[in-house]
């Protein structure tokens, strides 16, 4: 499809694509980022931002109420993160397309997002034109993926290690526990912040240790850092 960008910055589209605007929800915990995305998208004649959300829980509620065609989803957010939100949205609204828009190109973030059911994956340094075209592409049933991300997916697939038991993907809750562990939180503090019992927290930690193939907190943090799950 040929496109022309006019002096106002609007990406023109063909007459065939001038239908009802594509309803979009923007999900990001940074208000400035959200406002910028909303401004860019609402400048397009075929796109309408119908909602904004600062975390996964709000996004899920808005998807249930507003039934957008496309959701732009950040991954790392407080509370319900992007991966957990994608999983729940896919369960509740399977026809809604989700594009991950994040700063992370670390392998674990990529594969967690793709496995959760995202339709596309862009990095936040993508141009406005790339973002707009990605929204149109998922609406057409395509799966736009940033080239740097696509190369990592292909590399992982070629090695046959996508579902390796030794590299089993952490659940969204386990990932939250791991992040708090990396911040230096005690089991009690983790339990309080995530509204869990200490026994449940210990159970999550055991699962994390098993999946990372380690035997304690220090080894878990070192292994998680090596895999790009956390920064320490």
Protein backbone atom coordinates (compact mmCIF):
# COMPACT_ATOMS: atom_id res chain seq x y z
CA UNK A 1 0.00 0.00 0.00
CA UNK A 2 1.41 3.37 -0.98
CA UNK A 3 1.30 6.21 1.52
CA UNK A 4 2.09 9.92 1.40
CA UNK A 5 2.92 12.07 4.40
CA UNK A 6 1.60 15.61 3.97
CA UNK A 7 2.99 18.79 5.52
CA UNK A 8 0.76 18.44 8.59
CA UNK A 9 2.37 15.11 9.44
CA UNK A 10 -0.78 13.09 8.70
CA UNK A 11 -0.15 9.83 6.92
CA UNK A 12 -2.63 9.67 4.07
CA UNK A 13 -4.42 6.42 3.23
CA UNK A 14 -6.12 5.00 0.19
CA UNK A 15 -9.83 5.53 -0.37
CA UNK A 16 -10.36 1.80 0.12
CA UNK A 17 -9.20 2.11 3.71
CA UNK A 18 -11.39 5.10 4.59
CA UNK A 19 -13.85 3.16 6.71
CA UNK A 20 -14.89 3.54 10.31
CA UNK A 21 -11.92 4.68 12.43
CA UNK A 22 -9.90 1.95 14.11
CA UNK A 23 -10.66 2.20 17.83
CA UNK A 24 -7.46 2.15 19.90
CA UNK A 25 -6.62 2.09 23.60
CA UNK A 26 -3.18 3.35 24.68
CA UNK A 27 -1.65 1.67 27.74
CA UNK A 28 1.46 3.18 29.37
CA UNK A 29 2.24 4.22 32.93
CA UNK A 30 3.93 7.46 31.81
CA UNK A 31 1.38 10.26 31.21
CA UNK A 32 3.68 12.20 28.88
CA UNK A 33 4.19 9.13 26.67
CA UNK A 34 0.45 8.47 26.56
CA UNK A 35 -0.36 12.06 25.62
CA UNK A 36 2.22 11.98 22.83
CA UNK A 37 0.85 8.73 21.42
CA UNK A 38 -2.73 9.95 21.62
CA UNK A 39 -1.83 13.15 19.80
CA UNK A 40 -0.08 11.28 16.98
CA UNK A 41 -2.83 8.71 16.55
CA UNK A 42 -5.79 11.08 16.74
CA UNK A 43 -4.24 13.13 13.93
CA UNK A 44 -5.00 10.24 11.57
CA UNK A 45 -8.38 10.14 9.84
CA UNK A 46 -8.75 6.37 10.21
CA UNK A 47 -7.69 6.02 13.88
CA UNK A 48 -9.56 7.05 17.02
CA UNK A 49 -8.13 6.73 20.54
CA UNK A 50 -11.08 5.74 22.69
CA UNK A 51 -9.24 5.16 25.96
CA UNK A 52 -6.03 5.51 27.95
CA UNK A 53 -4.76 3.33 30.80
CA UNK A 54 -1.83 3.56 33.21
CA UNK A 55 -1.66 -0.15 34.03
CA UNK A 56 -2.91 -3.54 32.94
CA UNK A 57 -5.91 -3.66 35.27
CA UNK A 58 -7.32 -0.36 33.96
CA UNK A 59 -6.60 -1.51 30.40
CA UNK A 60 -8.53 -4.73 30.94
CA UNK A 61 -11.51 -2.81 32.32
CA UNK A 62 -11.47 -0.42 29.36
CA UNK A 63 -11.24 -3.24 26.84
CA UNK A 64 -14.30 -4.86 28.42
CA UNK A 65 -16.26 -1.60 28.25
CA UNK A 66 -15.02 0.00 25.03
CA UNK A 67 -14.23 -3.03 22.85
CA UNK A 68 -11.38 -1.49 20.85
CA UNK A 69 -9.96 -3.11 17.74
CA UNK A 70 -6.35 -2.45 18.80
CA UNK A 71 -4.51 -1.99 22.11
CA UNK A 72 -1.05 -0.42 22.31
CA UNK A 73 0.51 -2.10 25.35
CA UNK A 74 3.59 -1.22 27.36
CA UNK A 75 5.13 -4.19 29.19
CA UNK A 76 6.62 -3.01 32.47
CA UNK A 77 4.02 -1.24 34.58
CA UNK A 78 3.10 -1.25 38.27
CA UNK A 79 0.37 -3.60 39.41
CA UNK A 80 -0.78 -5.79 36.54
CA UNK A 81 2.02 -5.73 33.97
CA UNK A 82 1.64 -5.83 30.22
CA UNK A 83 2.09 -9.58 29.82
CA UNK A 84 -0.60 -10.47 32.34
CA UNK A 85 -2.90 -7.87 30.77
CA UNK A 86 -2.34 -9.35 27.30
CA UNK A 87 -3.24 -12.82 28.57
CA UNK A 88 -6.44 -11.60 30.20
CA UNK A 89 -7.45 -9.44 27.23
CA UNK A 90 -6.95 -12.38 24.88
CA UNK A 91 -9.26 -14.44 27.08
CA UNK A 92 -11.94 -11.73 27.37
CA UNK A 93 -11.73 -10.14 23.92
CA UNK A 94 -10.01 -12.55 21.49
CA UNK A 95 -10.76 -10.34 18.48
CA UNK A 96 -8.88 -7.38 19.96
CA UNK A 97 -5.40 -7.03 18.46
CA UNK A 98 -2.56 -6.10 20.80
CA UNK A 99 0.65 -4.35 19.77
CA UNK A 100 3.45 -4.29 22.33
CA UNK A 101 5.15 -0.89 22.37
CA UNK A 102 8.08 -0.95 24.75
CA UNK A 103 11.68 0.08 25.32
CA UNK A 104 12.66 -3.53 25.99
CA UNK A 105 14.26 -5.72 23.34
CA UNK A 106 15.63 -8.20 25.90
CA UNK A 107 14.87 -11.78 24.88
CA UNK A 108 12.70 -12.61 27.87
CA UNK A 109 10.45 -9.59 27.39
CA UNK A 110 10.05 -10.42 23.72
CA UNK A 111 9.12 -14.05 24.24
CA UNK A 112 6.84 -13.41 27.22
CA UNK A 113 4.91 -10.87 25.16
CA UNK A 114 4.69 -13.01 22.05
CA UNK A 115 3.70 -16.12 23.98
CA UNK A 116 1.00 -14.15 25.80
CA UNK A 117 -0.70 -13.47 22.48
CA UNK A 118 0.49 -10.12 21.15
CA UNK A 119 -0.17 -9.48 17.47
CA UNK A 120 2.79 -7.15 16.97
CA UNK A 121 5.91 -5.88 18.71
CA UNK A 122 7.43 -2.41 18.28
CA UNK A 123 10.12 -0.58 20.19
CA UNK A 124 9.46 2.95 21.41
CA UNK A 125 12.08 4.40 19.09
CA UNK A 126 9.85 3.45 16.13
CA UNK A 127 8.75 6.37 13.98
CA UNK A 128 5.20 7.70 14.03
CA UNK A 129 4.72 6.34 10.53
CA UNK A 130 5.82 2.85 11.62
CA UNK A 131 3.43 2.94 14.57
CA UNK A 132 0.49 4.11 12.47
CA UNK A 133 1.14 1.50 9.80
CA UNK A 134 1.46 -1.21 12.49
CA UNK A 135 -2.03 -0.37 13.76
CA UNK A 136 -3.43 -0.58 10.25
CA UNK A 137 -1.53 -3.81 9.66
CA UNK A 138 -2.91 -5.66 12.70
CA UNK A 139 -6.38 -4.47 11.74
CA UNK A 140 -5.81 -6.20 8.38
CA UNK A 141 -4.82 -9.38 10.22
CA UNK A 142 -1.06 -8.97 9.81
CA UNK A 143 1.59 -9.24 12.55
CA UNK A 144 4.07 -6.34 12.39
CA UNK A 145 7.29 -7.00 14.31
CA UNK A 146 10.26 -4.64 14.62
CA UNK A 147 13.20 -6.14 12.64
CA UNK A 148 15.52 -6.33 15.67
CA UNK A 149 12.83 -8.21 17.55
CA UNK A 150 11.99 -10.47 14.60
CA UNK A 151 15.62 -11.55 14.30
CA UNK A 152 15.68 -12.66 17.94
CA UNK A 153 12.45 -14.62 17.53
CA UNK A 154 13.83 -16.36 14.44
CA UNK A 155 17.09 -17.10 16.21
CA UNK A 156 15.28 -18.65 19.17
CA UNK A 157 13.04 -20.69 16.88
CA UNK A 158 16.01 -21.91 14.86
CA UNK A 159 17.69 -23.23 17.99
CA UNK A 160 14.50 -24.96 19.08
CA UNK A 161 14.72 -23.43 22.54
CA UNK A 162 11.45 -21.51 22.69
CA UNK A 163 9.90 -24.01 25.06
CA UNK A 164 12.98 -25.40 26.76
CA UNK A 165 12.02 -26.70 30.25
CA UNK A 166 15.19 -25.18 31.67
CA UNK A 167 14.09 -21.76 30.45
CA UNK A 168 10.41 -22.05 31.34
CA UNK A 169 8.77 -18.63 31.27
CA UNK A 170 7.94 -17.02 34.58
CA UNK A 171 4.30 -16.15 35.16
CA UNK A 172 3.33 -12.50 35.50
CA UNK A 173 3.02 -12.88 39.29
CA UNK A 174 6.38 -14.66 39.55
CA UNK A 175 7.95 -11.87 37.56
CA UNK A 176 6.52 -9.31 40.00
CA UNK A 177 7.96 -11.29 42.91
CA UNK A 178 11.34 -11.47 41.16
CA UNK A 179 11.38 -7.71 40.59
CA UNK A 180 10.66 -7.03 44.25
CA UNK A 181 13.31 -9.57 45.21
CA UNK A 182 15.78 -7.63 43.09
CA UNK A 183 14.83 -4.42 44.90
CA UNK A 184 15.93 -5.99 48.18
CA UNK A 185 12.46 -6.67 49.58
CA UNK A 186 12.05 -9.36 52.21
CA UNK A 187 9.46 -12.13 51.89
CA UNK A 188 7.18 -10.21 54.25
CA UNK A 189 7.56 -6.98 52.26
CA UNK A 190 6.88 -8.81 48.99
CA UNK A 191 3.75 -10.36 50.50
CA UNK A 192 2.49 -6.98 51.72
CA UNK A 193 3.12 -5.17 48.42
CA UNK A 194 1.42 -7.88 46.36
CA UNK A 195 -1.35 -8.58 48.90
CA UNK A 196 -0.23 -12.17 49.36
CA UNK A 197 0.37 -14.39 52.37
CA UNK A 198 3.98 -15.16 53.25
CA UNK A 199 3.37 -18.83 52.45
CA UNK A 200 2.12 -17.92 48.97
CA UNK A 201 5.17 -15.69 48.49
CA UNK A 202 7.46 -18.56 49.48
CA UNK A 203 5.64 -20.81 47.03
CA UNK A 204 6.21 -18.29 44.21
CA UNK A 205 9.89 -18.10 45.15
CA UNK A 206 10.23 -21.88 45.00
CA UNK A 207 8.69 -21.89 41.53
CA UNK A 208 11.06 -19.12 40.45
CA UNK A 209 14.06 -21.05 41.74
CA UNK A 210 12.91 -24.20 39.92
CA UNK A 211 12.37 -22.39 36.64
CA UNK A 212 15.74 -20.63 36.85
CA UNK A 213 17.49 -23.80 37.97
CA UNK A 214 18.91 -22.24 41.15
CA UNK A 215 18.74 -22.92 44.89
CA UNK A 216 18.42 -19.55 46.56
CA UNK A 217 17.83 -15.79 46.37
CA UNK A 218 21.36 -14.75 45.42
CA UNK A 219 21.67 -17.37 42.69
CA UNK A 220 18.21 -16.45 41.43
CA UNK A 221 19.13 -12.78 41.09
CA UNK A 222 22.39 -13.59 39.32
CA UNK A 223 20.73 -16.02 36.92
CA UNK A 224 17.81 -13.66 36.26
CA UNK A 225 20.24 -10.84 35.52
CA UNK A 226 22.22 -13.05 33.16
CA UNK A 227 19.03 -13.91 31.27
CA UNK A 228 18.04 -10.25 31.04
CA UNK A 229 15.01 -10.59 33.29
CA UNK A 230 16.17 -7.92 35.74
CA UNK A 231 18.85 -5.28 36.16
CA UNK A 232 20.95 -5.46 39.29
